[in-house]
Amino acid sequence: MNSLFLRIQILLFGLIIAGCKTLPVVPHAINCDVNAELLASNCAAPRQISGEATYSILVDTMQADRKALRECGFTNNALRDAIKRCNQTTDEYNNKIDSLNNTK
């Protein structure tokens, strides 16, 4: 009787273990660290031109605005590239996590 009871316990324990396979569950990465200076930067507003501006002041203002626009473009490009790299890395990480979580 003890032998039968022990065999039933072992069988039930084996069924429980087989039915409750443990899978590693790891959460997805959900944030991207982007340079705080890039995120805080703003493009410079165009300079105002007064009605009494000379041609020299107009040219200087135009050159300063073009320089500011070029710098703003560099900043936006750097920010876009950082976010793009972050998204690609996050997608790769999440795909690896999904493959681990779906392994049976």
PDB file of N, CA and C in Angstrom:
ATOM      1  N   MET A   1       0.819  -1.188   0.000  1.00  0.00           N
ATOM      2  CA  MET A   1       0.000   0.000   0.000  1.00  0.00           C
ATOM      3  C   MET A   1       0.869   1.262   0.000  1.00  0.00           C
ATOM      4  N   ASN A   2       1.908   1.266   0.848  1.00  0.00           N
ATOM      5  CA  ASN A   2       2.821   2.406   0.880  1.00  0.00           C
ATOM      6  C   ASN A   2       3.517   2.598  -0.454  1.00  0.00           C
ATOM      7  N   SER A   3       3.860   1.500  -1.096  1.00  0.00           N
ATOM      8  CA  SER A   3       4.531   1.554  -2.387  1.00  0.00           C
ATOM      9  C   SER A   3       3.614   2.171  -3.443  1.00  0.00           C
ATOM     10  N   LEU A   4       2.338   1.798  -3.438  1.00  0.00           N
ATOM     11  CA  LEU A   4       1.363   2.351  -4.381  1.00  0.00           C
ATOM     12  C   LEU A   4       1.151   3.838  -4.115  1.00  0.00           C
ATOM     13  N   PHE A   5       1.022   4.198  -2.835  1.00  0.00           N
ATOM     14  CA  PHE A   5       0.839   5.598  -2.452  1.00  0.00           C
ATOM     15  C   PHE A   5       2.047   6.438  -2.857  1.00  0.00           C
ATOM     16  N   LEU A   6       3.249   5.907  -2.688  1.00  0.00           N
ATOM     17  CA  LEU A   6       4.468   6.602  -3.069  1.00  0.00           C
ATOM     18  C   LEU A   6       4.531   6.779  -4.583  1.00  0.00           C
ATOM     19  N   ARG A   7       4.145   5.738  -5.325  1.00  0.00           N
ATOM     20  CA  ARG A   7       4.144   5.821  -6.787  1.00  0.00           C
ATOM     21  C   ARG A   7       3.130   6.862  -7.274  1.00  0.00           C
ATOM     22  N   ILE A   8       1.979   6.917  -6.648  1.00  0.00           N
ATOM     23  CA  ILE A   8       0.969   7.927  -7.027  1.00  0.00           C
ATOM     24  C   ILE A   8       1.490   9.328  -6.744  1.00  0.00           C
ATOM     25  N   GLN A   9       2.140   9.514  -5.604  1.00  0.00           N
ATOM     26  CA  GLN A   9       2.701  10.827  -5.271  1.00  0.00           C
ATOM     27  C   GLN A   9       3.778  11.227  -6.283  1.00  0.00           C
ATOM     28  N   ILE A  10       4.638  10.293  -6.634  1.00  0.00           N
ATOM     29  CA  ILE A  10       5.702  10.575  -7.613  1.00  0.00           C
ATOM     30  C   ILE A  10       5.089  10.905  -8.965  1.00  0.00           C
ATOM     31  N   LEU A  11       4.059  10.152  -9.361  1.00  0.00           N
ATOM     32  CA  LEU A  11       3.385  10.398 -10.635  1.00  0.00           C
ATOM     33  C   LEU A  11       2.735  11.785 -10.651  1.00  0.00           C
ATOM     34  N   LEU A  12       2.017  12.113  -9.574  1.00  0.00           N
ATOM     35  CA  LEU A  12       1.390  13.438  -9.491  1.00  0.00           C
ATOM     36  C   LEU A  12       2.427  14.556  -9.486  1.00  0.00           C
ATOM     37  N   PHE A  13       3.493  14.367  -8.752  1.00  0.00           N
ATOM     38  CA  PHE A  13       4.564  15.363  -8.719  1.00  0.00           C
ATOM     39  C   PHE A  13       5.164  15.548 -10.109  1.00  0.00           C
ATOM     40  N   GLY A  14       5.376  14.431 -10.820  1.00  0.00           N
ATOM     41  CA  GLY A  14       5.918  14.501 -12.180  1.00  0.00           C
ATOM     42  C   GLY A  14       4.974  15.224 -13.125  1.00  0.00           C
ATOM     43  N   LEU A  15       3.657  14.982 -12.991  1.00  0.00           N
ATOM     44  CA  LEU A  15       2.681  15.673 -13.837  1.00  0.00           C
ATOM     45  C   LEU A  15       2.654  17.175 -13.547  1.00  0.00           C
ATOM     46  N   ILE A  16       2.745  17.507 -12.273  1.00  0.00           N
ATOM     47  CA  ILE A  16       2.751  18.928 -11.901  1.00  0.00           C
ATOM     48  C   ILE A  16       3.983  19.611 -12.479  1.00  0.00           C
ATOM     49  N   ILE A  17       5.135  18.986 -12.337  1.00  0.00           N
ATOM     50  CA  ILE A  17       6.379  19.566 -12.856  1.00  0.00           C
ATOM     51  C   ILE A  17       6.316  19.689 -14.378  1.00  0.00           C
ATOM     52  N   ALA A  18       5.832  18.672 -15.053  1.00  0.00           N
ATOM     53  CA  ALA A  18       5.765  18.701 -16.518  1.00  0.00           C
ATOM     54  C   ALA A  18       4.758  19.740 -16.999  1.00  0.00           C
ATOM     55  N   GLY A  19       3.669  19.926 -16.272  1.00  0.00           N
ATOM     56  CA  GLY A  19       2.637  20.873 -16.689  1.00  0.00           C
ATOM     57  C   GLY A  19       2.959  22.304 -16.343  1.00  0.00           C
ATOM     58  N   CYS A  20       3.863  22.525 -15.432  1.00  0.00           N
ATOM     59  CA  CYS A  20       4.189  23.882 -14.985  1.00  0.00           C
ATOM     60  C   CYS A  20       5.618  24.237 -15.352  1.00  0.00           C
ATOM     61  N   LYS A  21       5.909  24.159 -16.618  1.00  0.00           N
ATOM     62  CA  LYS A  21       7.252  24.500 -17.064  1.00  0.00           C
ATOM     63  C   LYS A  21       7.492  25.986 -16.810  1.00  0.00           C
ATOM     64  N   THR A  22       8.615  26.303 -16.221  1.00  0.00           N
ATOM     65  CA  THR A  22       8.941  27.686 -15.901  1.00  0.00           C
ATOM     66  C   THR A  22       9.646  28.328 -17.091  1.00  0.00           C
ATOM     67  N   LEU A  23       9.139  29.470 -17.499  1.00  0.00           N
ATOM     68  CA  LEU A  23       9.756  30.231 -18.579  1.00  0.00           C
ATOM     69  C   LEU A  23      10.297  31.532 -18.017  1.00  0.00           C
ATOM     70  N   PRO A  24      11.456  31.917 -18.475  1.00  0.00           N
ATOM     71  CA  PRO A  24      11.966  33.215 -18.017  1.00  0.00           C
ATOM     72  C   PRO A  24      11.134  34.329 -18.639  1.00  0.00           C
ATOM     73  N   VAL A  25      10.659  35.225 -17.833  1.00  0.00           N
ATOM     74  CA  VAL A  25       9.890  36.360 -18.330  1.00  0.00           C
ATOM     75  C   VAL A  25      10.687  37.612 -18.012  1.00  0.00           C
ATOM     76  N   VAL A  26      11.115  38.285 -19.066  1.00  0.00           N
ATOM     77  CA  VAL A  26      11.916  39.490 -18.923  1.00  0.00           C
ATOM     78  C   VAL A  26      11.168  40.613 -19.618  1.00  0.00           C
ATOM     79  N   PRO A  27      11.017  41.752 -18.978  1.00  0.00           N
ATOM     80  CA  PRO A  27      10.276  42.845 -19.604  1.00  0.00           C
ATOM     81  C   PRO A  27      11.057  43.485 -20.746  1.00  0.00           C
ATOM     82  N   HIS A  28      10.332  44.137 -21.614  1.00  0.00           N
ATOM     83  CA  HIS A  28      10.945  44.869 -22.713  1.00  0.00           C
ATOM     84  C   HIS A  28      11.633  46.135 -22.212  1.00  0.00           C
ATOM     85  N   ALA A  29      12.640  46.535 -22.934  1.00  0.00           N
ATOM     86  CA  ALA A  29      13.275  47.820 -22.662  1.00  0.00           C
ATOM     87  C   ALA A  29      12.331  48.893 -23.189  1.00  0.00           C
ATOM     88  N   ILE A  30      12.065  49.913 -22.385  1.00  0.00           N
ATOM     89  CA  ILE A  30      11.047  50.871 -22.803  1.00  0.00           C
ATOM     90  C   ILE A  30      11.537  52.308 -22.896  1.00  0.00           C
ATOM     91  N   ASN A  31      12.810  52.547 -22.668  1.00  0.00           N
ATOM     92  CA  ASN A  31      13.246  53.934 -22.779  1.00  0.00           C
ATOM     93  C   ASN A  31      14.574  54.030 -23.507  1.00  0.00           C
ATOM     94  N   CYS A  32      14.808  55.194 -24.044  1.00  0.00           N
ATOM     95  CA  CYS A  32      16.043  55.467 -24.755  1.00  0.00           C
ATOM     96  C   CYS A  32      16.717  56.664 -24.103  1.00  0.00           C
ATOM     97  N   ASP A  33      17.984  56.498 -23.821  1.00  0.00           N
ATOM     98  CA  ASP A  33      18.735  57.610 -23.261  1.00  0.00           C
ATOM     99  C   ASP A  33      19.313  58.425 -24.410  1.00  0.00           C
ATOM    100  N   VAL A  34      18.865  59.654 -24.508  1.00  0.00           N
ATOM    101  CA  VAL A  34      19.359  60.573 -25.522  1.00  0.00           C
ATOM    102  C   VAL A  34      20.008  61.729 -24.789  1.00  0.00           C
ATOM    103  N   ASN A  35      21.080  62.219 -25.345  1.00  0.00           N
ATOM    104  CA  ASN A  35      21.823  63.311 -24.733  1.00  0.00           C
ATOM    105  C   ASN A  35      20.870  64.424 -24.299  1.00  0.00           C
ATOM    106  N   ALA A  36      20.932  64.767 -23.021  1.00  0.00           N
ATOM    107  CA  ALA A  36      20.034  65.790 -22.464  1.00  0.00           C
ATOM    108  C   ALA A  36      20.231  67.148 -23.131  1.00  0.00           C
ATOM    109  N   GLU A  37      21.461  67.449 -23.531  1.00  0.00           N
ATOM    110  CA  GLU A  37      21.723  68.727 -24.213  1.00  0.00           C
ATOM    111  C   GLU A  37      20.988  68.787 -25.543  1.00  0.00           C
ATOM    112  N   LEU A  38      20.953  67.653 -26.258  1.00  0.00           N
ATOM    113  CA  LEU A  38      20.224  67.625 -27.531  1.00  0.00           C
ATOM    114  C   LEU A  38      18.736  67.840 -27.310  1.00  0.00           C
ATOM    115  N   LEU A  39      18.206  67.189 -26.282  1.00  0.00           N
ATOM    116  CA  LEU A  39      16.772  67.321 -26.016  1.00  0.00           C
ATOM    117  C   LEU A  39      16.405  68.716 -25.533  1.00  0.00           C
ATOM    118  N   ALA A  40      17.305  69.364 -24.821  1.00  0.00           N
ATOM    119  CA  ALA A  40      17.018  70.684 -24.270  1.00  0.00           C
ATOM    120  C   ALA A  40      17.253  71.809 -25.273  1.00  0.00           C
ATOM    121  N   SER A  41      17.957  71.518 -26.349  1.00  0.00           N
ATOM    122  CA  SER A  41      18.305  72.595 -27.286  1.00  0.00           C
ATOM    123  C   SER A  41      17.098  73.005 -28.128  1.00  0.00           C
ATOM    124  N   ASN A  42      17.074  74.279 -28.444  1.00  0.00           N
ATOM    125  CA  ASN A  42      16.058  74.837 -29.329  1.00  0.00           C
ATOM    126  C   ASN A  42      16.754  75.550 -30.469  1.00  0.00           C
ATOM    127  N   CYS A  43      16.113  75.574 -31.598  1.00  0.00           N
ATOM    128  CA  CYS A  43      16.665  76.333 -32.719  1.00  0.00           C
ATOM    129  C   CYS A  43      16.467  77.819 -32.442  1.00  0.00           C
ATOM    130  N   ALA A  44      17.459  78.585 -32.843  1.00  0.00           N
ATOM    131  CA  ALA A  44      17.376  80.028 -32.650  1.00  0.00           C
ATOM    132  C   ALA A  44      16.310  80.614 -33.583  1.00  0.00           C
ATOM    133  N   ALA A  45      15.578  81.547 -33.048  1.00  0.00           N
ATOM    134  CA  ALA A  45      14.567  82.235 -33.864  1.00  0.00           C
ATOM    135  C   ALA A  45      15.274  83.199 -34.826  1.00  0.00           C
ATOM    136  N   PRO A  46      14.685  83.410 -35.991  1.00  0.00           N
ATOM    137  CA  PRO A  46      15.289  84.373 -36.921  1.00  0.00           C
ATOM    138  C   PRO A  46      15.365  85.759 -36.277  1.00  0.00           C
ATOM    139  N   ARG A  47      16.404  86.459 -36.614  1.00  0.00           N
ATOM    140  CA  ARG A  47      16.573  87.806 -36.064  1.00  0.00           C
ATOM    141  C   ARG A  47      15.590  88.764 -36.724  1.00  0.00           C
ATOM    142  N   GLN A  48      15.176  89.738 -35.941  1.00  0.00           N
ATOM    143  CA  GLN A  48      14.288  90.782 -36.463  1.00  0.00           C
ATOM    144  C   GLN A  48      15.106  91.804 -37.249  1.00  0.00           C
ATOM    145  N   ILE A  49      14.525  92.289 -38.307  1.00  0.00           N
ATOM    146  CA  ILE A  49      15.191  93.310 -39.123  1.00  0.00           C
ATOM    147  C   ILE A  49      14.361  94.582 -39.010  1.00  0.00           C
ATOM    148  N   SER A  50      15.011  95.612 -38.542  1.00  0.00           N
ATOM    149  CA  SER A  50      14.286  96.884 -38.375  1.00  0.00           C
ATOM    150  C   SER A  50      14.105  97.559 -39.730  1.00  0.00           C
ATOM    151  N   GLY A  51      13.200  98.489 -39.748  1.00  0.00           N
ATOM    152  CA  GLY A  51      12.918  99.224 -40.987  1.00  0.00           C
ATOM    153  C   GLY A  51      14.073 100.107 -41.428  1.00  0.00           C
ATOM    154  N   GLU A  52      14.930 100.490 -40.486  1.00  0.00           N
ATOM    155  CA  GLU A  52      16.065 101.367 -40.828  1.00  0.00           C
ATOM    156  C   GLU A  52      17.350 100.595 -41.045  1.00  0.00           C
ATOM    157  N   ALA A  53      17.276  99.287 -41.273  1.00  0.00           N
ATOM    158  CA  ALA A  53      18.484  98.471 -41.428  1.00  0.00           C
ATOM    159  C   ALA A  53      19.204  98.819 -42.722  1.00  0.00           C
ATOM    160  N   THR A  54      20.519  98.860 -42.620  1.00  0.00           N
ATOM    161  CA  THR A  54      21.335  99.086 -43.817  1.00  0.00           C
ATOM    162  C   THR A  54      21.558  97.753 -44.520  1.00  0.00           C
ATOM    163  N   TYR A  55      22.106  97.832 -45.692  1.00  0.00           N
ATOM    164  CA  TYR A  55      22.391  96.620 -46.448  1.00  0.00           C
ATOM    165  C   TYR A  55      23.384  95.743 -45.683  1.00  0.00           C
ATOM    166  N   SER A  56      24.351  96.339 -45.057  1.00  0.00           N
ATOM    167  CA  SER A  56      25.354  95.620 -44.288  1.00  0.00           C
ATOM    168  C   SER A  56      24.700  94.864 -43.113  1.00  0.00           C
ATOM    169  N   ILE A  57      23.785  95.528 -42.404  1.00  0.00           N
ATOM    170  CA  ILE A  57      23.076  94.889 -41.298  1.00  0.00           C
ATOM    171  C   ILE A  57      22.210  93.755 -41.829  1.00  0.00           C
ATOM    172  N   LEU A  58      21.583  93.963 -42.963  1.00  0.00           N
ATOM    173  CA  LEU A  58      20.750  92.934 -43.580  1.00  0.00           C
ATOM    174  C   LEU A  58      21.577  91.695 -43.935  1.00  0.00           C
ATOM    175  N   VAL A  59      22.749  91.891 -44.518  1.00  0.00           N
ATOM    176  CA  VAL A  59      23.625  90.770 -44.882  1.00  0.00           C
ATOM    177  C   VAL A  59      24.125  90.062 -43.626  1.00  0.00           C
ATOM    178  N   ASP A  60      24.539  90.830 -42.620  1.00  0.00           N
ATOM    179  CA  ASP A  60      25.004  90.229 -41.367  1.00  0.00           C
ATOM    180  C   ASP A  60      23.899  89.400 -40.713  1.00  0.00           C
ATOM    181  N   THR A  61      22.691  89.918 -40.718  1.00  0.00           N
ATOM    182  CA  THR A  61      21.547  89.208 -40.133  1.00  0.00           C
ATOM    183  C   THR A  61      21.262  87.930 -40.906  1.00  0.00           C
ATOM    184  N   MET A  62      21.307  88.023 -42.218  1.00  0.00           N
ATOM    185  CA  MET A  62      21.069  86.861 -43.061  1.00  0.00           C
ATOM    186  C   MET A  62      22.134  85.796 -42.819  1.00  0.00           C
ATOM    187  N   GLN A  63      23.375  86.175 -42.714  1.00  0.00           N
ATOM    188  CA  GLN A  63      24.452  85.212 -42.470  1.00  0.00           C
ATOM    189  C   GLN A  63      24.309  84.565 -41.085  1.00  0.00           C
ATOM    190  N   ALA A  64      23.964  85.370 -40.090  1.00  0.00           N
ATOM    191  CA  ALA A  64      23.771  84.834 -38.738  1.00  0.00           C
ATOM    192  C   ALA A  64      22.600  83.853 -38.716  1.00  0.00           C
ATOM    193  N   ASP A  65      21.514  84.191 -39.421  1.00  0.00           N
ATOM    194  CA  ASP A  65      20.355  83.292 -39.473  1.00  0.00           C
ATOM    195  C   ASP A  65      20.699  81.990 -40.191  1.00  0.00           C
ATOM    196  N   ARG A  66      21.463  82.063 -41.258  1.00  0.00           N
ATOM    197  CA  ARG A  66      21.868  80.843 -41.979  1.00  0.00           C
ATOM    198  C   ARG A  66      22.766  79.974 -41.110  1.00  0.00           C
ATOM    199  N   LYS A  67      23.671  80.600 -40.357  1.00  0.00           N
ATOM    200  CA  LYS A  67      24.541  79.846 -39.460  1.00  0.00           C
ATOM    201  C   LYS A  67      23.703  79.158 -38.375  1.00  0.00           C
ATOM    202  N   ALA A  68      22.753  79.879 -37.804  1.00  0.00           N
ATOM    203  CA  ALA A  68      21.887  79.305 -36.766  1.00  0.00           C
ATOM    204  C   ALA A  68      21.053  78.162 -37.345  1.00  0.00           C
ATOM    205  N   LEU A  69      20.565  78.322 -38.562  1.00  0.00           N
ATOM    206  CA  LEU A  69      19.783  77.277 -39.214  1.00  0.00           C
ATOM    207  C   LEU A  69      20.643  76.038 -39.475  1.00  0.00           C
ATOM    208  N   ARG A  70      21.877  76.236 -39.908  1.00  0.00           N
ATOM    209  CA  ARG A  70      22.790  75.123 -40.152  1.00  0.00           C
ATOM    210  C   ARG A  70      23.069  74.371 -38.846  1.00  0.00           C
ATOM    211  N   GLU A  71      23.350  75.113 -37.751  1.00  0.00           N
ATOM    212  CA  GLU A  71      23.603  74.488 -36.452  1.00  0.00           C
ATOM    213  C   GLU A  71      22.364  73.737 -35.945  1.00  0.00           C
ATOM    214  N   CYS A  72      21.212  74.310 -36.161  1.00  0.00           N
ATOM    215  CA  CYS A  72      19.968  73.650 -35.772  1.00  0.00           C
ATOM    216  C   CYS A  72      19.797  72.347 -36.555  1.00  0.00           C
ATOM    217  N   GLY A  73      20.137  72.369 -37.824  1.00  0.00           N
ATOM    218  CA  GLY A  73      20.065  71.162 -38.656  1.00  0.00           C
ATOM    219  C   GLY A  73      20.999  70.079 -38.142  1.00  0.00           C
ATOM    220  N   PHE A  74      22.226  70.465 -37.754  1.00  0.00           N
ATOM    221  CA  PHE A  74      23.171  69.492 -37.200  1.00  0.00           C
ATOM    222  C   PHE A  74      22.620  68.874 -35.922  1.00  0.00           C
ATOM    223  N   THR A  75      22.038  69.703 -35.063  1.00  0.00           N
ATOM    224  CA  THR A  75      21.466  69.213 -33.807  1.00  0.00           C
ATOM    225  C   THR A  75      20.305  68.274 -34.076  1.00  0.00           C
ATOM    226  N   ASN A  76      19.429  68.666 -34.986  1.00  0.00           N
ATOM    227  CA  ASN A  76      18.278  67.803 -35.321  1.00  0.00           C
ATOM    228  C   ASN A  76      18.732  66.484 -35.939  1.00  0.00           C
ATOM    229  N   ASN A  77      19.760  66.532 -36.781  1.00  0.00           N
ATOM    230  CA  ASN A  77      20.284  65.305 -37.375  1.00  0.00           C
ATOM    231  C   ASN A  77      20.869  64.383 -36.305  1.00  0.00           C
ATOM    232  N   ALA A  78      21.628  64.964 -35.364  1.00  0.00           N
ATOM    233  CA  ALA A  78      22.221  64.166 -34.293  1.00  0.00           C
ATOM    234  C   ALA A  78      21.131  63.549 -33.423  1.00  0.00           C
ATOM    235  N   LEU A  79      20.104  64.316 -33.117  1.00  0.00           N
ATOM    236  CA  LEU A  79      19.000  63.811 -32.305  1.00  0.00           C
ATOM    237  C   LEU A  79      18.244  62.702 -33.032  1.00  0.00           C
ATOM    238  N   ARG A  80      17.964  62.915 -34.298  1.00  0.00           N
ATOM    239  CA  ARG A  80      17.269  61.902 -35.102  1.00  0.00           C
ATOM    240  C   ARG A  80      18.087  60.620 -35.172  1.00  0.00           C
ATOM    241  N   ASP A  81      19.408  60.742 -35.405  1.00  0.00           N
ATOM    242  CA  ASP A  81      20.259  59.557 -35.491  1.00  0.00           C
ATOM    243  C   ASP A  81      20.327  58.814 -34.161  1.00  0.00           C
ATOM    244  N   ALA A  82      20.383  59.560 -33.047  1.00  0.00           N
ATOM    245  CA  ALA A  82      20.425  58.928 -31.724  1.00  0.00           C
ATOM    246  C   ALA A  82      19.136  58.161 -31.451  1.00  0.00           C
ATOM    247  N   ILE A  83      18.018  58.748 -31.787  1.00  0.00           N
ATOM    248  CA  ILE A  83      16.729  58.078 -31.571  1.00  0.00           C
ATOM    249  C   ILE A  83      16.598  56.871 -32.498  1.00  0.00           C
ATOM    250  N   LYS A  84      17.069  57.002 -33.720  1.00  0.00           N
ATOM    251  CA  LYS A  84      17.018  55.890 -34.672  1.00  0.00           C
ATOM    252  C   LYS A  84      17.850  54.710 -34.169  1.00  0.00           C
ATOM    253  N   ARG A  85      19.087  54.983 -33.707  1.00  0.00           N
ATOM    254  CA  ARG A  85      19.940  53.922 -33.160  1.00  0.00           C
ATOM    255  C   ARG A  85      19.295  53.295 -31.923  1.00  0.00           C
ATOM    256  N   CYS A  86      18.725  54.134 -31.090  1.00  0.00           N
ATOM    257  CA  CYS A  86      18.079  53.641 -29.873  1.00  0.00           C
ATOM    258  C   CYS A  86      16.906  52.732 -30.224  1.00  0.00           C
ATOM    259  N   ASN A  87      16.084  53.145 -31.158  1.00  0.00           N
ATOM    260  CA  ASN A  87      14.938  52.327 -31.560  1.00  0.00           C
ATOM    261  C   ASN A  87      15.386  50.996 -32.149  1.00  0.00           C
ATOM    262  N   GLN A  88      16.445  51.015 -32.957  1.00  0.00           N
ATOM    263  CA  GLN A  88      16.945  49.768 -33.543  1.00  0.00           C
ATOM    264  C   GLN A  88      17.477  48.836 -32.451  1.00  0.00           C
ATOM    265  N   THR A  89      18.237  49.396 -31.520  1.00  0.00           N
ATOM    266  CA  THR A  89      18.785  48.593 -30.434  1.00  0.00           C
ATOM    267  C   THR A  89      17.670  48.039 -29.551  1.00  0.00           C
ATOM    268  N   THR A  90      16.681  48.867 -29.261  1.00  0.00           N
ATOM    269  CA  THR A  90      15.553  48.426 -28.438  1.00  0.00           C
ATOM    270  C   THR A  90      14.773  47.325 -29.143  1.00  0.00           C
ATOM    271  N   ASP A  91      14.550  47.468 -30.444  1.00  0.00           N
ATOM    272  CA  ASP A  91      13.849  46.425 -31.207  1.00  0.00           C
ATOM    273  C   ASP A  91      14.618  45.108 -31.183  1.00  0.00           C
ATOM    274  N   GLU A  92      15.942  45.177 -31.366  1.00  0.00           N
ATOM    275  CA  GLU A  92      16.757  43.956 -31.320  1.00  0.00           C
ATOM    276  C   GLU A  92      16.666  43.307 -29.940  1.00  0.00           C
ATOM    277  N   TYR A  93      16.764  44.113 -28.904  1.00  0.00           N
ATOM    278  CA  TYR A  93      16.679  43.603 -27.534  1.00  0.00           C
ATOM    279  C   TYR A  93      15.309  42.955 -27.289  1.00  0.00           C
ATOM    280  N   ASN A  94      14.256  43.657 -27.678  1.00  0.00           N
ATOM    281  CA  ASN A  94      12.900  43.130 -27.468  1.00  0.00           C
ATOM    282  C   ASN A  94      12.672  41.840 -28.244  1.00  0.00           C
ATOM    283  N   ASN A  95      13.223  41.748 -29.454  1.00  0.00           N
ATOM    284  CA  ASN A  95      13.092  40.507 -30.230  1.00  0.00           C
ATOM    285  C   ASN A  95      13.794  39.345 -29.530  1.00  0.00           C
ATOM    286  N   LYS A  96      14.960  39.611 -28.943  1.00  0.00           N
ATOM    287  CA  LYS A  96      15.665  38.565 -28.195  1.00  0.00           C
ATOM    288  C   LYS A  96      14.846  38.152 -26.974  1.00  0.00           C
ATOM    289  N   ILE A  97      14.272  39.120 -26.283  1.00  0.00           N
ATOM    290  CA  ILE A  97      13.454  38.825 -25.114  1.00  0.00           C
ATOM    291  C   ILE A  97      12.235  38.001 -25.526  1.00  0.00           C
ATOM    292  N   ASP A  98      11.587  38.401 -26.617  1.00  0.00           N
ATOM    293  CA  ASP A  98      10.421  37.659 -27.107  1.00  0.00           C
ATOM    294  C   ASP A  98      10.797  36.219 -27.443  1.00  0.00           C
ATOM    295  N   SER A  99      11.951  36.034 -28.074  1.00  0.00           N
ATOM    296  CA  SER A  99      12.354  34.661 -28.430  1.00  0.00           C
ATOM    297  C   SER A  99      12.641  33.846 -27.178  1.00  0.00           C
ATOM    298  N   LEU A 100      13.214  34.469 -26.141  1.00  0.00           N
ATOM    299  CA  LEU A 100      13.444  33.760 -24.880  1.00  0.00           C
ATOM    300  C   LEU A 100      12.127  33.428 -24.179  1.00  0.00           C
ATOM    301  N   ASN A 101      11.219  34.377 -24.174  1.00  0.00           N
ATOM    302  CA  ASN A 101       9.939  34.176 -23.491  1.00  0.00           C
ATOM    303  C   ASN A 101       9.056  33.162 -24.215  1.00  0.00           C
ATOM    304  N   ASN A 102       9.238  33.018 -25.528  1.00  0.00           N
ATOM    305  CA  ASN A 102       8.395  32.090 -26.297  1.00  0.00           C
ATOM    306  C   ASN A 102       9.021  30.719 -26.443  1.00  0.00           C
ATOM    307  N   THR A 103      10.210  30.504 -25.887  1.00  0.00           N
ATOM    308  CA  THR A 103      10.867  29.209 -25.954  1.00  0.00           C
ATOM    309  C   THR A 103      10.125  28.220 -25.074  1.00  0.00           C
ATOM    310  N   LYS A 104       9.837  27.073 -25.603  1.00  0.00           N
ATOM    311  CA  LYS A 104       9.096  26.053 -24.825  1.00  0.00           C
ATOM    312  C   LYS A 104       9.959  24.872 -24.545  1.00  0.00           C
TER     313      LYS A 104
END
